[in-house]
PDB file of N, CA and C in Angstrom:
ATOM      1  N   MET A   1      21.591  11.424 212.343  1.00  0.00           N
ATOM      2  CA  MET A   1      20.522  11.190 213.291  1.00  0.00           C
ATOM      3  C   MET A   1      21.050  11.497 214.690  1.00  0.00           C
ATOM      4  N   LYS A   2      20.441  12.473 215.322  1.00  0.00           N
ATOM      5  CA  LYS A   2      20.818  12.812 216.685  1.00  0.00           C
ATOM      6  C   LYS A   2      19.879  12.098 217.647  1.00  0.00           C
ATOM      7  N   LYS A   3      20.465  11.377 218.589  1.00  0.00           N
ATOM      8  CA  LYS A   3      19.659  10.618 219.530  1.00  0.00           C
ATOM      9  C   LYS A   3      18.734  11.510 220.345  1.00  0.00           C
ATOM     10  N   SER A   4      19.185  12.705 220.705  1.00  0.00           N
ATOM     11  CA  SER A   4      18.350  13.594 221.519  1.00  0.00           C
ATOM     12  C   SER A   4      17.111  14.050 220.753  1.00  0.00           C
ATOM     13  N   GLU A   5      17.215  14.165 219.435  1.00  0.00           N
ATOM     14  CA  GLU A   5      16.059  14.555 218.629  1.00  0.00           C
ATOM     15  C   GLU A   5      15.028  13.426 218.577  1.00  0.00           C
ATOM     16  N   ILE A   6      15.488  12.198 218.647  1.00  0.00           N
ATOM     17  CA  ILE A   6      14.567  11.061 218.717  1.00  0.00           C
ATOM     18  C   ILE A   6      13.723  11.187 219.979  1.00  0.00           C
ATOM     19  N   GLY A   7      14.336  11.581 221.066  1.00  0.00           N
ATOM     20  CA  GLY A   7      13.618  11.757 222.322  1.00  0.00           C
ATOM     21  C   GLY A   7      12.529  12.805 222.224  1.00  0.00           C
ATOM     22  N   VAL A   8      12.800  13.888 221.522  1.00  0.00           N
ATOM     23  CA  VAL A   8      11.801  14.940 221.326  1.00  0.00           C
ATOM     24  C   VAL A   8      10.632  14.405 220.516  1.00  0.00           C
ATOM     25  N   ARG A   9      10.936  13.664 219.464  1.00  0.00           N
ATOM     26  CA  ARG A   9       9.866  13.099 218.636  1.00  0.00           C
ATOM     27  C   ARG A   9       9.093  12.022 219.398  1.00  0.00           C
ATOM     28  N   LEU A  10       9.796  11.246 220.192  1.00  0.00           N
ATOM     29  CA  LEU A  10       9.133  10.220 220.990  1.00  0.00           C
ATOM     30  C   LEU A  10       8.172  10.862 221.996  1.00  0.00           C
ATOM     31  N   GLU A  11       8.570  11.949 222.587  1.00  0.00           N
ATOM     32  CA  GLU A  11       7.694  12.679 223.505  1.00  0.00           C
ATOM     33  C   GLU A  11       6.439  13.155 222.771  1.00  0.00           C
ATOM     34  N   ARG A  12       6.592  13.578 221.553  1.00  0.00           N
ATOM     35  CA  ARG A  12       5.439  14.002 220.752  1.00  0.00           C
ATOM     36  C   ARG A  12       4.476  12.848 220.511  1.00  0.00           C
ATOM     37  N   VAL A  13       5.011  11.656 220.246  1.00  0.00           N
ATOM     38  CA  VAL A  13       4.180  10.472 220.045  1.00  0.00           C
ATOM     39  C   VAL A  13       3.383  10.176 221.323  1.00  0.00           C
ATOM     40  N   ILE A  14       4.055  10.223 222.453  1.00  0.00           N
ATOM     41  CA  ILE A  14       3.409   9.936 223.736  1.00  0.00           C
ATOM     42  C   ILE A  14       2.269  10.919 223.988  1.00  0.00           C
ATOM     43  N   LYS A  15       2.526  12.201 223.743  1.00  0.00           N
ATOM     44  CA  LYS A  15       1.486  13.221 223.951  1.00  0.00           C
ATOM     45  C   LYS A  15       0.329  13.046 222.978  1.00  0.00           C
ATOM     46  N   THR A  16       0.641  12.719 221.724  1.00  0.00           N
ATOM     47  CA  THR A  16      -0.404  12.516 220.731  1.00  0.00           C
ATOM     48  C   THR A  16      -1.301  11.338 221.110  1.00  0.00           C
ATOM     49  N   MET A  17      -0.706  10.305 221.681  1.00  0.00           N
ATOM     50  CA  MET A  17      -1.480   9.134 222.098  1.00  0.00           C
ATOM     51  C   MET A  17      -2.221   9.371 223.416  1.00  0.00           C
ATOM     52  N   LYS A  18      -1.931  10.498 224.046  1.00  0.00           N
ATOM     53  CA  LYS A  18      -2.569  10.873 225.312  1.00  0.00           C
ATOM     54  C   LYS A  18      -2.367   9.810 226.386  1.00  0.00           C
ATOM     55  N   LEU A  19      -1.110   9.353 226.472  1.00  0.00           N
ATOM     56  CA  LEU A  19      -0.737   8.359 227.471  1.00  0.00           C
ATOM     57  C   LEU A  19       0.270   8.945 228.439  1.00  0.00           C
ATOM     58  N   LYS A  20       0.279   8.420 229.639  1.00  0.00           N
ATOM     59  CA  LYS A  20       1.336   8.751 230.590  1.00  0.00           C
ATOM     60  C   LYS A  20       2.548   7.901 230.227  1.00  0.00           C
ATOM     61  N   GLN A  21       3.705   8.298 230.724  1.00  0.00           N
ATOM     62  CA  GLN A  21       4.948   7.599 230.388  1.00  0.00           C
ATOM     63  C   GLN A  21       4.847   6.100 230.682  1.00  0.00           C
ATOM     64  N   TYR A  22       4.366   5.757 231.881  1.00  0.00           N
ATOM     65  CA  TYR A  22       4.302   4.346 232.254  1.00  0.00           C
ATOM     66  C   TYR A  22       3.288   3.586 231.389  1.00  0.00           C
ATOM     67  N   GLN A  23       2.203   4.240 230.996  1.00  0.00           N
ATOM     68  CA  GLN A  23       1.208   3.600 230.133  1.00  0.00           C
ATOM     69  C   GLN A  23       1.798   3.317 228.754  1.00  0.00           C
ATOM     70  N   PHE A  24       2.545   4.276 228.251  1.00  0.00           N
ATOM     71  CA  PHE A  24       3.196   4.114 226.952  1.00  0.00           C
ATOM     72  C   PHE A  24       4.187   2.956 227.004  1.00  0.00           C
ATOM     73  N   ALA A  25       5.004   2.922 228.053  1.00  0.00           N
ATOM     74  CA  ALA A  25       5.991   1.851 228.201  1.00  0.00           C
ATOM     75  C   ALA A  25       5.304   0.488 228.266  1.00  0.00           C
ATOM     76  N   GLU A  26       4.231   0.387 229.042  1.00  0.00           N
ATOM     77  CA  GLU A  26       3.501  -0.873 229.148  1.00  0.00           C
ATOM     78  C   GLU A  26       2.892  -1.282 227.802  1.00  0.00           C
ATOM     79  N   LYS A  27       2.282  -0.316 227.120  1.00  0.00           N
ATOM     80  CA  LYS A  27       1.630  -0.598 225.836  1.00  0.00           C
ATOM     81  C   LYS A  27       2.603  -1.190 224.830  1.00  0.00           C
ATOM     82  N   PHE A  28       3.847  -0.702 224.842  1.00  0.00           N
ATOM     83  CA  PHE A  28       4.826  -1.132 223.845  1.00  0.00           C
ATOM     84  C   PHE A  28       5.842  -2.141 224.386  1.00  0.00           C
ATOM     85  N   GLY A  29       5.587  -2.654 225.587  1.00  0.00           N
ATOM     86  CA  GLY A  29       6.405  -3.744 226.113  1.00  0.00           C
ATOM     87  C   GLY A  29       7.836  -3.381 226.431  1.00  0.00           C
ATOM     88  N   ILE A  30       8.043  -2.138 226.871  1.00  0.00           N
ATOM     89  CA  ILE A  30       9.394  -1.730 227.274  1.00  0.00           C
ATOM     90  C   ILE A  30       9.358  -1.272 228.726  1.00  0.00           C
ATOM     91  N   SER A  31      10.501  -1.241 229.351  1.00  0.00           N
ATOM     92  CA  SER A  31      10.562  -0.769 230.733  1.00  0.00           C
ATOM     93  C   SER A  31      10.556   0.756 230.752  1.00  0.00           C
ATOM     94  N   SER A  32      10.179   1.298 231.885  1.00  0.00           N
ATOM     95  CA  SER A  32      10.232   2.753 232.044  1.00  0.00           C
ATOM     96  C   SER A  32      11.660   3.259 231.902  1.00  0.00           C
ATOM     97  N   ALA A  33      12.618   2.440 232.370  1.00  0.00           N
ATOM     98  CA  ALA A  33      14.032   2.821 232.259  1.00  0.00           C
ATOM     99  C   ALA A  33      14.453   2.905 230.788  1.00  0.00           C
ATOM    100  N   SER A  34      13.998   1.946 229.978  1.00  0.00           N
ATOM    101  CA  SER A  34      14.334   1.986 228.547  1.00  0.00           C
ATOM    102  C   SER A  34      13.734   3.223 227.894  1.00  0.00           C
ATOM    103  N   LEU A  35      12.486   3.521 228.220  1.00  0.00           N
ATOM    104  CA  LEU A  35      11.845   4.711 227.661  1.00  0.00           C
ATOM    105  C   LEU A  35      12.627   5.961 228.034  1.00  0.00           C
ATOM    106  N   THR A  36      13.054   6.047 229.269  1.00  0.00           N
ATOM    107  CA  THR A  36      13.847   7.201 229.714  1.00  0.00           C
ATOM    108  C   THR A  36      15.150   7.296 228.930  1.00  0.00           C
ATOM    109  N   ARG A  37      15.800   6.166 228.692  1.00  0.00           N
ATOM    110  CA  ARG A  37      17.057   6.156 227.923  1.00  0.00           C
ATOM    111  C   ARG A  37      16.822   6.568 226.467  1.00  0.00           C
ATOM    112  N   TYR A  38      15.718   6.101 225.874  1.00  0.00           N
ATOM    113  CA  TYR A  38      15.397   6.502 224.505  1.00  0.00           C
ATOM    114  C   TYR A  38      15.187   8.009 224.439  1.00  0.00           C
ATOM    115  N   LYS A  39      14.432   8.536 225.392  1.00  0.00           N
ATOM    116  CA  LYS A  39      14.100   9.956 225.368  1.00  0.00           C
ATOM    117  C   LYS A  39      15.313  10.840 225.646  1.00  0.00           C
ATOM    118  N   SER A  40      16.231  10.365 226.476  1.00  0.00           N
ATOM    119  CA  SER A  40      17.407  11.171 226.807  1.00  0.00           C
ATOM    120  C   SER A  40      18.509  11.057 225.757  1.00  0.00           C
ATOM    121  N   GLY A  41      18.384  10.085 224.864  1.00  0.00           N
ATOM    122  CA  GLY A  41      19.406   9.895 223.846  1.00  0.00           C
ATOM    123  C   GLY A  41      20.537   9.000 224.293  1.00  0.00           C
ATOM    124  N   ASP A  42      20.389   8.361 225.469  1.00  0.00           N
ATOM    125  CA  ASP A  42      21.424   7.445 225.941  1.00  0.00           C
ATOM    126  C   ASP A  42      21.424   6.131 225.172  1.00  0.00           C
ATOM    127  N   ARG A  43      20.292   5.852 224.516  1.00  0.00           N
ATOM    128  CA  ARG A  43      20.155   4.569 223.820  1.00  0.00           C
ATOM    129  C   ARG A  43      19.199   4.737 222.646  1.00  0.00           C
ATOM    130  N   LEU A  44      19.490   4.056 221.557  1.00  0.00           N
ATOM    131  CA  LEU A  44      18.586   4.052 220.411  1.00  0.00           C
ATOM    132  C   LEU A  44      17.484   3.016 220.635  1.00  0.00           C
ATOM    133  N   PRO A  45      16.294   3.264 220.109  1.00  0.00           N
ATOM    134  CA  PRO A  45      15.203   2.300 220.271  1.00  0.00           C
ATOM    135  C   PRO A  45      15.539   0.936 219.676  1.00  0.00           C
ATOM    136  N   ASP A  46      15.099  -0.105 220.377  1.00  0.00           N
ATOM    137  CA  ASP A  46      15.295  -1.477 219.918  1.00  0.00           C
ATOM    138  C   ASP A  46      14.380  -1.777 218.738  1.00  0.00           C
ATOM    139  N   PRO A  47      14.789  -2.704 217.865  1.00  0.00           N
ATOM    140  CA  PRO A  47      13.954  -3.057 216.712  1.00  0.00           C
ATOM    141  C   PRO A  47      12.543  -3.524 217.095  1.00  0.00           C
ATOM    142  N   GLU A  48      12.416  -4.283 218.165  1.00  0.00           N
ATOM    143  CA  GLU A  48      11.095  -4.776 218.582  1.00  0.00           C
ATOM    144  C   GLU A  48      10.165  -3.615 218.938  1.00  0.00           C
ATOM    145  N   PHE A  49      10.711  -2.606 219.582  1.00  0.00           N
ATOM    146  CA  PHE A  49       9.945  -1.416 219.948  1.00  0.00           C
ATOM    147  C   PHE A  49       9.512  -0.670 218.689  1.00  0.00           C
ATOM    148  N   LEU A  50      10.416  -0.538 217.737  1.00  0.00           N
ATOM    149  CA  LEU A  50      10.084   0.154 216.487  1.00  0.00           C
ATOM    150  C   LEU A  50       8.997  -0.598 215.717  1.00  0.00           C
ATOM    151  N   ILE A  51       9.058  -1.912 215.727  1.00  0.00           N
ATOM    152  CA  ILE A  51       8.023  -2.716 215.055  1.00  0.00           C
ATOM    153  C   ILE A  51       6.674  -2.492 215.732  1.00  0.00           C
ATOM    154  N   ALA A  52       6.660  -2.479 217.059  1.00  0.00           N
ATOM    155  CA  ALA A  52       5.414  -2.247 217.793  1.00  0.00           C
ATOM    156  C   ALA A  52       4.843  -0.868 217.468  1.00  0.00           C
ATOM    157  N   LEU A  53       5.707   0.130 217.370  1.00  0.00           N
ATOM    158  CA  LEU A  53       5.251   1.477 217.006  1.00  0.00           C
ATOM    159  C   LEU A  53       4.653   1.481 215.600  1.00  0.00           C
ATOM    160  N   SER A  54       5.295   0.796 214.682  1.00  0.00           N
ATOM    161  CA  SER A  54       4.800   0.786 213.299  1.00  0.00           C
ATOM    162  C   SER A  54       3.428   0.116 213.206  1.00  0.00           C
ATOM    163  N   LYS A  55       3.161  -0.845 214.069  1.00  0.00           N
ATOM    164  CA  LYS A  55       1.844  -1.486 214.094  1.00  0.00           C
ATOM    165  C   LYS A  55       0.760  -0.519 214.552  1.00  0.00           C
ATOM    166  N   GLU A  56       1.169   0.530 215.248  1.00  0.00           N
ATOM    167  CA  GLU A  56       0.246   1.582 215.688  1.00  0.00           C
ATOM    168  C   GLU A  56       0.241   2.754 214.703  1.00  0.00           C
ATOM    169  N   LYS A  57       0.779   2.509 213.508  1.00  0.00           N
ATOM    170  CA  LYS A  57       0.811   3.492 212.416  1.00  0.00           C
ATOM    171  C   LYS A  57       1.734   4.680 212.690  1.00  0.00           C
ATOM    172  N   ILE A  58       2.773   4.464 213.521  1.00  0.00           N
ATOM    173  CA  ILE A  58       3.786   5.492 213.734  1.00  0.00           C
ATOM    174  C   ILE A  58       4.905   5.255 212.725  1.00  0.00           C
ATOM    175  N   ASN A  59       5.269   6.304 212.013  1.00  0.00           N
ATOM    176  CA  ASN A  59       6.309   6.242 210.993  1.00  0.00           C
ATOM    177  C   ASN A  59       7.671   6.191 211.692  1.00  0.00           C
ATOM    178  N   THR A  60       8.284   5.013 211.702  1.00  0.00           N
ATOM    179  CA  THR A  60       9.557   4.869 212.408  1.00  0.00           C
ATOM    180  C   THR A  60      10.692   5.609 211.708  1.00  0.00           C
ATOM    181  N   ASN A  61      10.577   5.807 210.409  1.00  0.00           N
ATOM    182  CA  ASN A  61      11.573   6.631 209.713  1.00  0.00           C
ATOM    183  C   ASN A  61      11.523   8.063 210.253  1.00  0.00           C
ATOM    184  N   TRP A  62      10.320   8.577 210.449  1.00  0.00           N
ATOM    185  CA  TRP A  62      10.164   9.913 211.027  1.00  0.00           C
ATOM    186  C   TRP A  62      10.750   9.941 212.436  1.00  0.00           C
ATOM    187  N   LEU A  63      10.458   8.913 213.235  1.00  0.00           N
ATOM    188  CA  LEU A  63      10.958   8.884 214.606  1.00  0.00           C
ATOM    189  C   LEU A  63      12.485   8.944 214.629  1.00  0.00           C
ATOM    190  N   LEU A  64      13.120   8.184 213.763  1.00  0.00           N
ATOM    191  CA  LEU A  64      14.583   8.102 213.767  1.00  0.00           C
ATOM    192  C   LEU A  64      15.263   9.270 213.071  1.00  0.00           C
ATOM    193  N   THR A  65      14.643   9.804 212.010  1.00  0.00           N
ATOM    194  CA  THR A  65      15.327  10.828 211.215  1.00  0.00           C
ATOM    195  C   THR A  65      14.658  12.193 211.200  1.00  0.00           C
ATOM    196  N   GLY A  66      13.359  12.218 211.492  1.00  0.00           N
ATOM    197  CA  GLY A  66      12.609  13.470 211.392  1.00  0.00           C
ATOM    198  C   GLY A  66      12.038  13.704 210.007  1.00  0.00           C
ATOM    199  N   ASP A  67      12.295  12.792 209.073  1.00  0.00           N
ATOM    200  CA  ASP A  67      11.797  12.932 207.699  1.00  0.00           C
ATOM    201  C   ASP A  67      10.377  12.383 207.592  1.00  0.00           C
ATOM    202  N   GLY A  68       9.532  13.093 206.858  1.00  0.00           N
ATOM    203  CA  GLY A  68       8.168  12.644 206.646  1.00  0.00           C
ATOM    204  C   GLY A  68       7.242  13.097 207.754  1.00  0.00           C
ATOM    205  N   SER A  69       6.127  12.386 207.872  1.00  0.00           N
ATOM    206  CA  SER A  69       5.158  12.734 208.907  1.00  0.00           C
ATOM    207  C   SER A  69       5.186  11.687 210.011  1.00  0.00           C
ATOM    208  N   MET A  70       4.604  12.025 211.150  1.00  0.00           N
ATOM    209  CA  MET A  70       4.629  11.138 212.303  1.00  0.00           C
ATOM    210  C   MET A  70       3.850   9.854 212.032  1.00  0.00           C
ATOM    211  N   ASN A  71       2.741   9.962 211.334  1.00  0.00           N
ATOM    212  CA  ASN A  71       1.891   8.801 211.104  1.00  0.00           C
ATOM    213  C   ASN A  71       2.110   8.210 209.727  1.00  0.00           C
ATOM    214  N   ILE A  72       1.970   6.893 209.666  1.00  0.00           N
ATOM    215  CA  ILE A  72       2.020   6.200 208.392  1.00  0.00           C
ATOM    216  C   ILE A  72       0.703   6.482 207.683  1.00  0.00           C
ATOM    217  N   ARG A  73       0.799   6.922 206.481  1.00  0.00           N
ATOM    218  CA  ARG A  73      -0.411   7.223 205.706  1.00  0.00           C
ATOM    219  C   ARG A  73      -0.842   5.977 204.963  1.00  0.00           C
ATOM    220  N   PRO A  74      -2.151   5.739 204.924  1.00  0.00           N
ATOM    221  CA  PRO A  74      -2.617   4.558 204.180  1.00  0.00           C
ATOM    222  C   PRO A  74      -2.295   4.699 202.686  1.00  0.00           C
ATOM    223  N   ASP A  75      -2.082   3.574 202.058  1.00  0.00           N
ATOM    224  CA  ASP A  75      -1.793   3.563 200.632  1.00  0.00           C
ATOM    225  C   ASP A  75      -3.056   3.986 199.870  1.00  0.00           C
ATOM    226  N   LEU A  76      -3.013   5.125 199.277  1.00  0.00           N
ATOM    227  CA  LEU A  76      -4.188   5.670 198.604  1.00  0.00           C
ATOM    228  C   LEU A  76      -4.494   4.937 197.297  1.00  0.00           C
ATOM    229  N   THR A  77      -3.553   4.143 196.816  1.00  0.00           N
ATOM    230  CA  THR A  77      -3.775   3.441 195.561  1.00  0.00           C
ATOM    231  C   THR A  77      -4.376   2.063 195.780  1.00  0.00           C
ATOM    232  N   ALA A  78      -4.383   1.596 197.017  1.00  0.00           N
ATOM    233  CA  ALA A  78      -4.924   0.260 197.300  1.00  0.00           C
ATOM    234  C   ALA A  78      -6.444   0.291 197.261  1.00  0.00           C
ATOM    235  N   GLY A  79      -7.029  -0.808 196.933  1.00  0.00           N
ATOM    236  CA  GLY A  79      -8.468  -0.846 197.057  1.00  0.00           C
ATOM    237  C   GLY A  79      -9.140  -1.384 195.902  1.00  0.00           C
TER     238      GLY A  79
END
């Protein structure tokens, strides 16, 4: 897992949500400085941030590894 690749995927999430950087940071309860560190690869995302992303149906495995799709797909067998 390359930290810089996480930043690229995180930028994709932000663009998909059509939010500005500060709006994204506020929505997920992180500082703008933390978001900048995540995107630059200086720091890995905190567990609380990853949990918040997963509640918005973002696949955190994809964010961290690039495997799978960006969004969590609903369980097609449930119902």
